[in-house]
Protein backbone atom coordinates (compact mmCIF):
# COMPACT_ATOMS: atom_id res chain seq x y z
CA MET A 1 -213.36 198.08 -14.72
CA THR A 2 -211.22 195.07 -15.38
CA LEU A 3 -210.17 192.66 -12.69
CA ALA A 4 -206.59 194.00 -12.79
CA GLU A 5 -207.82 197.57 -12.37
CA LEU A 6 -210.03 196.58 -9.44
CA GLN A 7 -207.17 194.77 -7.72
CA GLN A 8 -204.87 197.75 -8.25
CA ARG A 9 -207.50 200.08 -6.77
CA ARG A 10 -207.96 197.67 -3.84
CA ASP A 11 -204.20 197.71 -3.18
CA GLU A 12 -204.24 201.52 -3.19
CA ILE A 13 -207.06 201.57 -0.64
CA LEU A 14 -205.32 199.01 1.57
CA HIS A 15 -202.13 201.07 1.42
CA SER A 16 -203.97 204.23 2.44
CA LEU A 17 -206.21 202.59 5.05
CA GLY A 18 -205.93 204.55 8.26
CA ILE A 19 -204.70 207.71 6.53
CA SER A 20 -207.44 210.27 6.37
CA ARG A 21 -205.67 213.12 4.55
CA ILE A 22 -202.48 213.57 2.55
CA GLN A 23 -201.16 216.98 1.59
CA PHE A 24 -198.72 217.78 -1.23
CA GLY A 25 -197.89 221.45 -0.99
CA GLU A 26 -201.08 223.27 -1.95
CA ARG A 27 -202.91 220.13 -3.04
CA SER A 28 -204.39 217.52 -0.75
CA ILE A 29 -206.32 214.28 -0.99
CA GLU A 30 -208.86 213.30 1.62
CA TYR A 31 -209.87 209.67 2.02
CA ALA A 32 -213.38 209.10 3.26
CA ARG A 33 -215.20 205.83 3.78
CA GLN A 34 -212.21 203.67 2.93
CA ALA A 35 -213.74 200.58 4.51
CA GLU A 36 -216.92 200.98 2.45
CA ALA A 37 -214.93 201.48 -0.75
CA LEU A 38 -212.88 198.38 0.05
CA GLN A 39 -216.04 196.32 0.58
CA ALA A 40 -217.53 197.55 -2.70
CA ILE A 41 -214.36 196.65 -4.61
CA ASP A 42 -214.22 193.23 -2.92
CA ARG A 43 -217.84 192.57 -3.97
CA GLU A 44 -217.08 193.54 -7.56
CA ILE A 45 -213.93 191.36 -7.65
CA ALA A 46 -215.97 188.43 -6.28
CA ARG A 47 -218.65 189.02 -8.91
CA LEU A 48 -216.08 189.04 -11.73
CA THR A 49 -214.24 185.93 -10.52
CA GLN A 50 -217.30 183.76 -9.88
CA PRO A 51 -218.45 181.66 -12.78
CA GLY A 52 -221.79 183.02 -13.85
CA GLU A 53 -224.73 181.58 -15.64
CA ALA A 54 -224.49 181.33 -19.39
CA LYS A 55 -226.53 184.04 -21.06
CA VAL A 56 -228.66 183.13 -24.02
CA PHE A 57 -229.69 185.74 -26.54
CA THR A 58 -232.50 185.16 -29.03
CA ILE A 59 -232.51 187.25 -32.16
CA GLN A 60 -235.64 187.44 -34.26
CA THR A 61 -235.72 188.99 -37.68
CA SER A 62 -238.30 189.44 -40.37
CA ARG A 63 -238.32 190.56 -43.98
CA GLY A 64 -241.38 192.74 -43.74
CA LEU A 65 -245.06 191.88 -43.94
CA GLN A 66 -245.99 188.42 -45.11
């Protein structure tokens, strides 16, 4: 997920915090473990926004037996 998508999802959870079930006619949505979901999203946002270590890739090639 991108940072924008994570922040949008976080806003949705914050908006629904405290609501356990919403019903729309025959359909309903049940929110479970909102606090845990919010913590997981916050951790992922923190991971994406923190400067990380530079990754170094080494590529080795050969042209067959020598």
